[in-house]
Amino acid sequence: MLSQMPLRLGGSHKSDVRTQFAAMCYRYEHSKLQILLVTSRTRRRWIVPKGWPMDGKTASGSAAQEAWEEAGAVGRVDGRPLGIYSYVKETGLDAGMPCVVMVYALKVKSLAKKFPEVGQRKRQWVSRKRAAKLVAEPELARILRDFDPRHL
C-alpha cells in the first residue's frame, strides 16, 4: 500500500495552476465494469467527482470525500493515481482558471440516497466506452478508456 502524507495548504496566487483530485468511481454489475459519472452543477456536463485539496487529507482521501459529496459514493480508494488531466474551470472571468486533476480509482461499495449535493447533480452508471464519449476532456476520456481495475 502506497503511503501518502496529509496535505498542508499554503497560500497561492490567482494566476497559479490549481490542483484538484478526482475519484473514478467504479463497480461490476453482472460482470461488466461500470463507471459512475455526475453532472457539473452549473453547465450540467458529465464529469467524474472532483474537487480541491482538503487540509489534513491525503490526495486520494480528498478524492474519496468528493465522491461522497458529489455522488453519494462510498468505497475503497486506491492511493495510486491513475493519471492526470487538465481543463479550464469556468470562473466568470475571461480566462478561467487552469486546473490539473489527479484521478484515483474508488471501488464503490454503496451509493447513498442522501448526500451533500443530491439536489444539485445527476449521477449515472455507464460503460468505460460510454463514459469516455460523455466527458469533454480528451485526457480524461483516455484515462477512462484505459482503466482496468485488475491492474490496481
Protein backbone atom coordinates (compact mmCIF):
# COMPACT_ATOMS: atom_id res chain seq x y z
CA MET A 1 0.00 0.00 0.00
CA LEU A 2 1.34 3.39 -1.01
CA SER A 3 1.57 5.76 1.94
CA GLN A 4 0.52 9.36 1.44
CA MET A 5 1.16 12.34 3.67
CA PRO A 6 -1.75 14.60 4.58
CA LEU A 7 -1.79 17.84 2.63
CA ARG A 8 -0.97 21.18 4.24
CA LEU A 9 -2.39 24.06 2.27
CA GLY A 10 -0.40 27.26 1.93
CA GLY A 11 -1.01 30.47 0.05
CA SER A 12 -1.32 30.64 -3.72
CA HIS A 13 -1.86 33.28 -6.37
CA LYS A 14 -4.95 33.66 -8.55
CA SER A 15 -2.91 33.03 -11.70
CA ASP A 16 -1.41 29.76 -10.42
CA VAL A 17 -2.39 26.47 -11.99
CA ARG A 18 -4.63 24.77 -9.45
CA THR A 19 -4.62 21.11 -8.50
CA GLN A 20 -7.77 19.08 -7.96
CA PHE A 21 -8.34 15.45 -7.04
CA ALA A 22 -10.92 13.21 -8.72
CA ALA A 23 -12.46 9.83 -7.98
CA MET A 24 -13.10 7.40 -10.80
CA CYS A 25 -15.91 5.52 -9.10
CA TYR A 26 -16.41 2.02 -10.46
CA ARG A 27 -18.29 -1.21 -9.85
CA TYR A 28 -19.04 -4.50 -11.52
CA GLU A 29 -22.68 -5.12 -12.45
CA HIS A 30 -23.40 -8.57 -13.92
CA SER A 31 -19.64 -8.99 -14.51
CA LYS A 32 -19.46 -5.74 -16.52
CA LEU A 33 -17.31 -2.83 -15.43
CA GLN A 34 -19.26 0.41 -14.93
CA ILE A 35 -18.12 3.96 -14.21
CA LEU A 36 -20.15 6.48 -12.21
CA LEU A 37 -20.43 9.93 -13.78
CA VAL A 38 -22.08 13.01 -12.28
CA THR A 39 -23.17 16.28 -13.82
CA SER A 40 -21.40 19.52 -13.07
CA ARG A 41 -23.51 21.96 -11.08
CA THR A 42 -23.64 24.88 -13.50
CA ARG A 43 -23.18 23.64 -17.06
CA ARG A 44 -24.59 20.12 -16.44
CA ARG A 45 -21.68 18.42 -18.25
CA TRP A 46 -20.80 14.81 -17.39
CA ILE A 47 -17.72 14.63 -15.16
CA VAL A 48 -16.10 12.42 -12.53
CA PRO A 49 -16.43 13.69 -8.94
CA LYS A 50 -13.57 16.08 -8.27
CA GLY A 51 -12.60 18.99 -6.08
CA TRP A 52 -9.96 21.00 -4.30
CA PRO A 53 -7.34 19.66 -1.89
CA MET A 54 -8.56 19.38 1.69
CA ASP A 55 -6.32 20.38 4.55
CA GLY A 56 -5.27 17.34 6.57
CA LYS A 57 -6.45 14.78 3.98
CA THR A 58 -4.30 12.86 1.53
CA ALA A 59 -4.80 13.40 -2.20
CA SER A 60 -6.73 10.12 -2.51
CA GLY A 61 -8.65 10.96 0.68
CA SER A 62 -9.74 14.25 -0.89
CA ALA A 63 -10.90 12.33 -3.99
CA ALA A 64 -12.91 9.92 -1.81
CA GLN A 65 -14.50 12.83 0.04
CA GLU A 66 -15.53 14.39 -3.30
CA ALA A 67 -17.07 11.07 -4.38
CA TRP A 68 -19.22 11.16 -1.24
CA GLU A 69 -20.18 14.84 -1.51
CA GLU A 70 -20.95 14.89 -5.25
CA ALA A 71 -22.22 11.35 -5.88
CA GLY A 72 -23.01 9.74 -2.54
CA ALA A 73 -20.43 7.06 -3.36
CA VAL A 74 -18.79 5.17 -0.51
CA GLY A 75 -15.99 2.71 -1.12
CA ARG A 76 -12.30 1.93 -1.10
CA VAL A 77 -9.96 4.38 -2.79
CA ASP A 78 -6.62 3.27 -4.22
CA GLY A 79 -3.70 5.50 -3.20
CA ARG A 80 -2.00 5.38 -6.60
CA PRO A 81 -3.12 7.95 -9.19
CA LEU A 82 -4.48 6.55 -12.46
CA GLY A 83 -3.43 9.63 -14.40
CA ILE A 84 -3.65 13.38 -14.73
CA TYR A 85 -5.79 15.57 -16.98
CA SER A 86 -6.16 19.31 -17.39
CA TYR A 87 -9.05 21.67 -18.02
CA VAL A 88 -10.01 25.31 -17.58
CA LYS A 89 -12.51 25.90 -14.79
CA GLU A 90 -15.12 28.49 -15.69
CA THR A 91 -14.97 31.26 -13.11
CA GLY A 92 -16.91 34.05 -14.75
CA LEU A 93 -13.62 35.73 -15.59
CA ASP A 94 -12.47 35.88 -19.22
CA ALA A 95 -9.55 33.47 -18.95
CA GLY A 96 -10.96 30.98 -16.47
CA MET A 97 -8.75 29.06 -14.07
CA PRO A 98 -6.29 26.41 -15.36
CA CYS A 99 -6.52 23.17 -13.36
CA VAL A 100 -4.73 19.85 -13.34
CA VAL A 101 -6.63 16.91 -11.88
CA MET A 102 -5.12 13.74 -10.40
CA VAL A 103 -7.52 10.80 -10.77
CA TYR A 104 -7.82 7.99 -8.20
CA ALA A 105 -9.83 4.77 -8.51
CA LEU A 106 -12.59 4.23 -5.96
CA LYS A 107 -14.32 0.85 -5.83
CA VAL A 108 -17.89 1.68 -4.85
CA LYS A 109 -19.41 -0.43 -2.07
CA SER A 110 -22.62 1.59 -1.74
CA LEU A 111 -24.46 4.62 -3.08
CA ALA A 112 -26.36 6.80 -0.63
CA LYS A 113 -29.77 8.22 -1.45
CA LYS A 114 -28.98 11.30 0.65
CA PHE A 115 -25.65 13.07 0.25
CA PRO A 116 -24.48 16.70 0.38
CA GLU A 117 -25.07 17.61 -3.30
CA VAL A 118 -28.03 15.30 -4.04
CA GLY A 119 -30.27 18.08 -5.39
CA GLN A 120 -27.54 19.72 -7.44
CA ARG A 121 -26.31 16.84 -9.63
CA LYS A 122 -27.46 13.82 -11.57
CA ARG A 123 -25.48 10.58 -11.49
CA GLN A 124 -25.35 7.71 -13.94
CA TRP A 125 -23.56 4.35 -14.25
CA VAL A 126 -22.13 3.81 -17.75
CA SER A 127 -19.56 1.64 -19.52
CA ARG A 128 -15.96 2.87 -19.85
CA LYS A 129 -16.50 3.44 -23.56
CA ARG A 130 -19.67 5.48 -22.97
CA ALA A 131 -18.02 7.45 -20.14
CA ALA A 132 -15.13 8.36 -22.44
CA LYS A 133 -17.61 9.69 -25.02
CA LEU A 134 -19.61 11.71 -22.49
CA VAL A 135 -16.77 13.66 -20.85
CA ALA A 136 -15.39 16.77 -22.55
CA GLU A 137 -11.72 16.44 -21.63
CA PRO A 138 -9.71 14.25 -24.06
CA GLU A 139 -7.12 13.28 -21.42
CA LEU A 140 -9.86 12.17 -19.01
CA ALA A 141 -11.50 10.21 -21.85
CA ARG A 142 -8.22 8.33 -22.38
CA ILE A 143 -7.91 7.56 -18.65
CA LEU A 144 -11.48 6.23 -18.67
CA ARG A 145 -10.95 4.09 -21.79
CA ASP A 146 -7.69 2.63 -20.46
CA PHE A 147 -8.91 1.94 -16.93
CA ASP A 148 -8.62 -1.70 -15.84
CA PRO A 149 -9.12 -2.36 -12.13
CA ARG A 150 -7.42 -5.74 -12.46
CA HIS A 151 -4.12 -3.80 -12.65
CA LEU A 152 -4.62 -1.98 -9.33
